[in-house]
N, C-alpha and C. Protein backbone atom coordinates (compact mmCIF):
# COMPACT_ATOMS: atom_id res chain seq x y z
N MET A 1 -17.48 -11.42 3.52
CA MET A 1 -17.64 -12.03 4.78
C MET A 1 -16.61 -12.67 5.60
N GLN A 2 -15.09 -13.09 4.76
CA GLN A 2 -13.81 -13.80 5.59
C GLN A 2 -13.44 -12.69 6.53
N TYR A 3 -13.56 -11.59 6.77
CA TYR A 3 -13.04 -10.61 7.17
C TYR A 3 -14.11 -10.77 9.08
N LEU A 4 -15.26 -10.96 8.32
CA LEU A 4 -15.72 -11.09 9.75
C LEU A 4 -15.87 -11.99 10.41
N VAL A 5 -15.41 -13.01 9.40
CA VAL A 5 -15.21 -14.58 10.42
C VAL A 5 -13.94 -14.44 11.30
N GLU A 6 -12.97 -13.42 10.70
CA GLU A 6 -11.78 -13.38 11.46
C GLU A 6 -11.99 -12.49 12.38
N GLY A 7 -12.94 -11.78 12.50
CA GLY A 7 -13.06 -10.68 13.54
C GLY A 7 -13.33 -9.48 13.23
N GLY A 8 -12.92 -9.12 11.77
CA GLY A 8 -12.69 -7.73 11.10
C GLY A 8 -13.84 -7.01 11.59
N HIS A 9 -13.45 -5.45 11.24
CA HIS A 9 -14.58 -4.91 11.22
C HIS A 9 -14.50 -4.30 9.97
N VAL A 10 -16.04 -3.85 9.48
CA VAL A 10 -16.18 -4.28 7.99
C VAL A 10 -16.84 -2.53 7.72
N TYR A 11 -16.60 -1.62 6.80
CA TYR A 11 -17.37 -0.72 6.37
C TYR A 11 -18.15 -1.16 5.03
N GLY A 12 -19.32 -0.90 4.92
CA GLY A 12 -19.94 -1.33 3.42
C GLY A 12 -20.40 -0.02 3.12
N ALA A 13 -20.03 0.48 2.21
CA ALA A 13 -20.52 2.05 1.64
C ALA A 13 -21.43 1.54 0.21
N CYS A 14 -22.47 2.44 0.06
CA CYS A 14 -23.40 2.48 -0.87
C CYS A 14 -23.81 3.90 -1.01
N ARG A 15 -24.48 3.98 -1.93
CA ARG A 15 -25.15 5.33 -2.32
C ARG A 15 -26.67 5.34 -1.37
N LYS A 16 -26.99 4.41 -1.16
CA LYS A 16 -28.03 4.40 -0.56
C LYS A 16 -28.39 3.31 0.38
N PRO A 17 -27.83 3.23 1.83
CA PRO A 17 -28.10 2.22 2.69
C PRO A 17 -29.23 2.08 2.84
N ALA A 18 -30.64 3.09 2.74
CA ALA A 18 -31.31 2.70 3.67
C ALA A 18 -32.19 1.81 2.36
N TRP A 19 -31.30 1.59 1.17
CA TRP A 19 -32.10 0.50 -0.08
C TRP A 19 -31.50 -0.71 0.05
N ALA A 20 -30.42 -0.82 0.97
CA ALA A 20 -29.51 -2.34 0.51
C ALA A 20 -29.88 -2.87 1.44
N GLU A 21 -30.83 -3.70 1.41
CA GLU A 21 -31.63 -4.55 2.19
C GLU A 21 -30.78 -5.77 3.06
N ARG A 22 -30.28 -6.28 1.75
CA ARG A 22 -29.25 -7.51 2.28
C ARG A 22 -28.18 -6.90 3.14
N LEU A 23 -27.32 -5.91 2.73
CA LEU A 23 -26.45 -5.10 3.36
C LEU A 23 -26.92 -4.90 4.91
N GLN A 24 -28.23 -4.28 5.13
CA GLN A 24 -28.62 -4.00 6.34
C GLN A 24 -29.09 -5.05 7.04
N GLY A 25 -29.55 -6.75 6.09
CA GLY A 25 -29.58 -7.43 6.88
C GLY A 25 -28.31 -8.44 7.65
N LEU A 26 -27.46 -8.10 6.70
CA LEU A 26 -25.74 -8.68 7.15
C LEU A 26 -25.33 -7.58 8.37
N ALA A 27 -25.65 -6.20 8.52
CA ALA A 27 -25.12 -5.79 9.80
C ALA A 27 -25.73 -5.83 10.74
N GLN A 28 -26.93 -5.79 10.36
CA GLN A 28 -27.73 -6.63 11.96
C GLN A 28 -27.74 -7.77 12.47
N ARG A 29 -27.00 -8.68 11.70
CA ARG A 29 -26.90 -9.87 12.20
C ARG A 29 -25.47 -9.58 13.02
N GLU A 30 -24.60 -9.44 12.24
CA GLU A 30 -23.35 -9.15 12.47
C GLU A 30 -22.71 -8.13 14.02
N GLU A 31 -24.14 -7.80 14.18
CA GLU A 31 -23.99 -6.54 16.03
C GLU A 31 -22.51 -5.96 15.88
N GLY A 32 -22.55 -4.66 15.10
CA GLY A 32 -21.24 -4.05 15.43
C GLY A 32 -20.15 -4.22 14.69
N GLN A 33 -20.13 -5.52 13.73
CA GLN A 33 -19.02 -5.85 13.19
C GLN A 33 -18.92 -4.91 11.89
N ILE A 34 -20.23 -4.28 11.41
CA ILE A 34 -20.50 -3.49 10.29
C ILE A 34 -21.22 -2.58 10.19
N ASP A 35 -20.44 -1.25 10.01
CA ASP A 35 -20.73 0.12 9.79
C ASP A 35 -21.71 0.63 8.38
N LEU A 36 -22.45 1.21 7.83
CA LEU A 36 -22.86 1.20 6.80
C LEU A 36 -22.87 3.04 6.50
N LEU A 37 -22.31 2.77 5.69
CA LEU A 37 -21.81 4.34 5.13
C LEU A 37 -22.38 4.94 3.56
N ALA A 38 -23.25 5.73 3.64
CA ALA A 38 -23.25 6.52 2.26
C ALA A 38 -22.57 7.04 1.31
N MET A 39 -22.65 6.95 0.19
CA MET A 39 -21.09 7.26 -0.45
C MET A 39 -21.31 6.89 -1.61
N ASP A 40 -21.44 8.01 -2.69
CA ASP A 40 -21.32 7.63 -4.00
C ASP A 40 -19.83 8.37 -4.33
N VAL A 41 -19.04 6.81 -5.35
CA VAL A 41 -18.08 7.49 -5.50
C VAL A 41 -17.81 8.84 -6.57
N THR A 42 -18.87 9.17 -7.19
CA THR A 42 -18.46 10.47 -8.47
C THR A 42 -18.85 11.72 -7.22
N ASP A 43 -19.52 11.30 -6.28
CA ASP A 43 -19.50 12.88 -5.38
C ASP A 43 -18.51 12.70 -4.53
N SER A 44 -17.66 13.97 -4.83
CA SER A 44 -16.48 14.25 -3.44
C SER A 44 -17.01 14.41 -1.87
N GLU A 45 -18.44 15.00 -2.07
CA GLU A 45 -19.16 15.78 -1.00
C GLU A 45 -19.21 14.34 -0.08
N THR A 46 -19.78 13.36 -0.59
CA THR A 46 -20.34 12.29 0.51
C THR A 46 -18.98 11.41 0.50
N ILE A 47 -18.35 11.22 -0.51
CA ILE A 47 -16.87 10.83 -0.06
C ILE A 47 -16.37 11.32 1.32
N ALA A 48 -15.90 12.97 1.40
CA ALA A 48 -15.40 13.00 2.42
C ALA A 48 -16.56 12.99 3.90
N LEU A 49 -17.91 13.07 3.47
CA LEU A 49 -18.49 12.30 4.81
C LEU A 49 -18.47 11.16 5.29
N ALA A 50 -18.52 10.21 4.26
CA ALA A 50 -17.99 9.09 4.69
C ALA A 50 -16.80 8.89 5.14
N ALA A 51 -15.71 9.10 4.68
CA ALA A 51 -14.09 9.06 5.61
C ALA A 51 -14.12 9.60 6.66
N ALA A 52 -15.04 10.74 6.99
CA ALA A 52 -15.24 11.26 8.09
C ALA A 52 -15.58 10.57 8.96
N SER A 53 -16.46 9.78 9.29
CA SER A 53 -17.52 8.73 9.73
C SER A 53 -16.53 7.41 9.92
N VAL A 54 -15.66 7.15 9.44
CA VAL A 54 -14.51 6.08 9.60
C VAL A 54 -13.72 6.13 10.94
N SER A 55 -13.52 5.21 12.17
CA SER A 55 -12.48 5.77 13.39
C SER A 55 -11.30 4.87 13.08
N GLY A 56 -9.99 5.15 12.77
CA GLY A 56 -8.66 4.43 12.33
C GLY A 56 -8.68 4.24 11.27
N ALA A 57 -7.97 3.48 10.81
CA ALA A 57 -7.35 3.18 9.37
C ALA A 57 -7.95 1.88 9.22
N ILE A 58 -8.32 2.10 7.82
CA ILE A 58 -8.86 0.69 7.10
C ILE A 58 -7.33 0.18 6.65
N ASP A 59 -7.22 -1.38 6.93
CA ASP A 59 -6.32 -1.87 6.19
C ASP A 59 -6.15 -2.92 4.81
N VAL A 60 -8.04 -3.29 4.43
CA VAL A 60 -7.92 -3.85 3.26
C VAL A 60 -9.04 -2.68 2.56
N PRO A 61 -8.44 -2.10 1.51
CA PRO A 61 -9.80 -1.12 0.95
C PRO A 61 -10.17 -2.01 -0.29
N ILE A 62 -11.28 -2.15 -0.67
CA ILE A 62 -11.78 -3.01 -1.13
C ILE A 62 -12.97 -1.96 -2.64
N ASN A 63 -12.77 -2.12 -3.30
CA ASN A 63 -13.85 -1.29 -4.37
C ASN A 63 -14.15 -1.48 -5.31
N SER A 64 -15.85 -1.66 -5.40
CA SER A 64 -16.68 -2.46 -6.40
C SER A 64 -17.51 -1.64 -7.27
N ALA A 65 -17.15 -0.34 -7.33
CA ALA A 65 -17.74 0.90 -8.04
C ALA A 65 -17.85 0.48 -8.93
N GLY A 66 -19.05 0.67 -10.00
CA GLY A 66 -18.77 0.74 -11.60
C GLY A 66 -19.56 2.14 -12.35
N ILE A 67 -19.01 2.30 -13.34
CA ILE A 67 -19.36 3.10 -14.05
C ILE A 67 -20.23 2.69 -15.78
N VAL A 68 -21.35 3.22 -15.73
CA VAL A 68 -21.95 2.42 -17.06
C VAL A 68 -22.57 4.13 -17.19
N ASP A 69 -22.61 3.98 -18.79
CA ASP A 69 -22.58 5.47 -19.21
C ASP A 69 -24.10 5.16 -20.47
N LYS A 70 -23.52 4.06 -21.46
CA LYS A 70 -24.67 4.02 -22.41
C LYS A 70 -24.86 2.32 -22.19
N PRO A 71 -26.45 2.34 -22.58
CA PRO A 71 -27.17 0.96 -22.48
C PRO A 71 -26.02 -0.21 -23.30
N ARG A 72 -25.97 -1.39 -22.48
CA ARG A 72 -25.41 -2.62 -23.19
C ARG A 72 -23.50 -2.09 -23.48
N GLN A 73 -23.00 -1.02 -23.01
CA GLN A 73 -21.85 -0.71 -22.89
C GLN A 73 -20.60 -1.37 -22.07
N THR A 74 -19.25 -2.09 -22.34
CA THR A 74 -19.16 -2.83 -21.38
C THR A 74 -17.59 -2.31 -21.11
N THR A 75 -17.08 -2.70 -20.28
CA THR A 75 -15.36 -2.23 -19.96
C THR A 75 -14.88 -1.93 -21.18
N GLY A 76 -14.68 -2.82 -21.49
CA GLY A 76 -13.75 -2.37 -22.62
C GLY A 76 -13.76 -1.40 -23.92
N SER A 77 -14.99 -0.84 -23.95
CA SER A 77 -15.50 0.07 -24.74
C SER A 77 -15.97 1.49 -23.95
N LEU A 78 -15.57 1.29 -23.07
CA LEU A 78 -15.81 2.72 -22.12
C LEU A 78 -14.88 3.77 -22.82
N ASP A 79 -15.39 5.16 -22.90
CA ASP A 79 -14.89 6.06 -23.05
C ASP A 79 -13.76 6.60 -22.08
N TYR A 80 -12.61 6.49 -21.77
CA TYR A 80 -12.12 6.78 -20.20
C TYR A 80 -12.11 8.26 -20.29
N THR A 81 -12.07 8.95 -21.13
CA THR A 81 -11.15 10.13 -21.53
C THR A 81 -12.34 11.26 -21.45
N ALA A 82 -13.45 11.26 -21.81
CA ALA A 82 -14.44 12.05 -21.57
C ALA A 82 -15.38 12.36 -20.01
């Protein structure tokens, strides 16, 4: 939100933007300051398509994507080599 308050343009990416109701609502309220992109960080094709739809440079990338494999698995117990 701080970037919007300061007049920045924000790209919001998620796997299914049509399902992201809160993100859609924010984009509608901010009228043109937010572009929603469909992207799955595990799918290089969706990453390439999202990147191609971005105009100009991104100044501050923020990634909050997570990895979940087994139920009750925590970040410290992930097998990163698998």
